[in-house]
Amino acid sequence: TVTFCDEGRRFVTTADDKKVLVWEYGIPVPIKHISEPHMHSIPYVGMHPNEKWLLGQSLDNQIVVYGVHNKFRQHNKKLFRGHMNAGYACQVDMTP
């Protein structure tokens, strides 16, 4: 997926290769590369309405949360488990 954030100045891409890349608009190289050994593929990333958080549907039945304004670090206390994603690339929707 491609998700714009930070008022359109940056965007986040995800794919099947278990990587999350953060790009600065207009620069052809990623400014942040997120890939951990325990990380599963995140086929969908959505932006929270307050534009402080990115929520991603991980294929290990979790919703992971990354902070936009804190260097795109994962927020470990905001990890949502307990659901089963039966399909591939289930979308995450949120309300304020």
Protein backbone atom coordinates (compact mmCIF):
# COMPACT_ATOMS: atom_id res chain seq x y z
CA THR A 1 0.00 0.00 0.00
CA VAL A 2 0.93 3.65 -0.28
CA THR A 3 -0.31 5.88 2.55
CA PHE A 4 0.39 9.63 2.68
CA CYS A 5 1.03 11.22 6.07
CA ASP A 6 2.57 14.28 7.71
CA GLU A 7 0.36 16.65 5.67
CA GLY A 8 1.40 15.01 2.38
CA ARG A 9 5.13 15.55 2.90
CA ARG A 10 5.85 11.87 3.51
CA PHE A 11 4.35 8.56 2.54
CA VAL A 12 4.64 4.98 3.77
CA THR A 13 4.83 1.92 1.53
CA THR A 14 4.32 -1.71 2.51
CA ALA A 15 4.59 -4.93 0.55
CA ASP A 16 4.86 -8.70 0.88
CA ASP A 17 8.59 -8.51 1.65
CA LYS A 18 7.95 -7.72 5.36
CA LYS A 19 9.29 -4.19 5.06
CA VAL A 20 7.81 -0.81 5.80
CA LEU A 21 9.48 2.07 3.98
CA VAL A 22 9.00 5.76 4.78
CA TRP A 23 9.65 8.21 1.95
CA GLU A 24 10.00 11.98 1.78
CA TYR A 25 7.95 13.27 -1.15
CA GLY A 26 10.33 14.23 -3.97
CA ILE A 27 13.32 12.22 -2.70
CA PRO A 28 13.90 8.89 -4.52
CA VAL A 29 15.39 7.02 -1.53
CA PRO A 30 13.60 5.92 1.68
CA ILE A 31 14.29 7.99 4.79
CA LYS A 32 13.34 5.12 7.12
CA HIS A 33 13.42 1.35 6.63
CA ILE A 34 11.46 -0.74 9.16
CA SER A 35 12.17 -4.47 9.10
CA GLU A 36 12.45 -6.67 12.17
CA PRO A 37 13.18 -10.42 12.29
CA HIS A 38 9.89 -11.12 14.11
CA MET A 39 7.86 -8.85 11.82
CA HIS A 40 5.20 -10.27 9.51
CA SER A 41 3.95 -8.74 6.29
CA ILE A 42 1.77 -5.65 6.71
CA PRO A 43 -0.33 -5.49 3.54
CA TYR A 44 -2.48 -2.53 4.62
CA VAL A 45 -1.68 0.69 6.48
CA GLY A 46 -4.26 3.33 7.36
CA MET A 47 -3.94 6.79 8.86
CA HIS A 48 -5.73 7.74 12.09
CA PRO A 49 -7.95 10.84 11.67
CA ASN A 50 -5.78 12.90 14.06
CA GLU A 51 -2.76 12.10 11.82
CA LYS A 52 -0.56 11.06 14.76
CA TRP A 53 -0.75 7.30 14.23
CA LEU A 54 -0.46 4.78 11.41
CA LEU A 55 -2.32 1.53 11.93
CA GLY A 56 -1.24 -1.56 10.02
CA GLN A 57 -2.94 -4.93 9.58
CA SER A 58 -0.20 -7.48 10.19
CA LEU A 59 -0.61 -11.00 8.88
CA ASP A 60 0.13 -12.47 12.31
CA ASN A 61 -3.40 -11.44 13.45
CA GLN A 62 -2.36 -8.14 15.00
CA ILE A 63 -2.95 -4.47 14.36
CA VAL A 64 0.33 -2.63 14.85
CA VAL A 65 0.57 1.11 15.54
CA TYR A 66 3.37 3.43 14.48
CA GLY A 67 3.77 7.03 15.60
CA VAL A 68 4.10 9.54 12.78
CA HIS A 69 5.76 12.32 14.75
CA ASN A 70 8.22 10.18 16.74
CA LYS A 71 10.40 8.95 13.87
CA PHE A 72 7.91 6.24 12.83
CA ARG A 73 8.58 3.99 15.81
CA GLN A 74 6.22 1.18 16.73
CA HIS A 75 4.10 1.91 19.78
CA ASN A 76 4.28 -1.39 21.68
CA LYS A 77 1.55 -0.47 24.17
CA LYS A 78 -0.92 0.05 21.32
CA LEU A 79 -0.84 -3.45 19.88
CA PHE A 80 -4.22 -5.01 19.16
CA ARG A 81 -4.58 -8.80 19.20
CA GLY A 82 -7.45 -11.23 19.38
CA HIS A 83 -8.87 -11.13 15.90
CA MET A 84 -8.43 -13.47 12.97
CA ASN A 85 -7.87 -11.97 9.55
CA ALA A 86 -9.37 -14.58 7.26
CA GLY A 87 -8.60 -12.62 4.09
CA TYR A 88 -5.52 -11.05 2.71
CA ALA A 89 -5.03 -7.29 3.08
CA CYS A 90 -7.95 -6.62 5.42
CA GLN A 91 -8.41 -2.89 5.75
CA VAL A 92 -8.24 -1.10 9.07
CA ASP A 93 -10.74 1.70 9.68
CA MET A 94 -10.78 3.96 12.70
CA THR A 95 -12.76 6.85 14.15
CA PRO A 96 -11.48 9.80 16.20
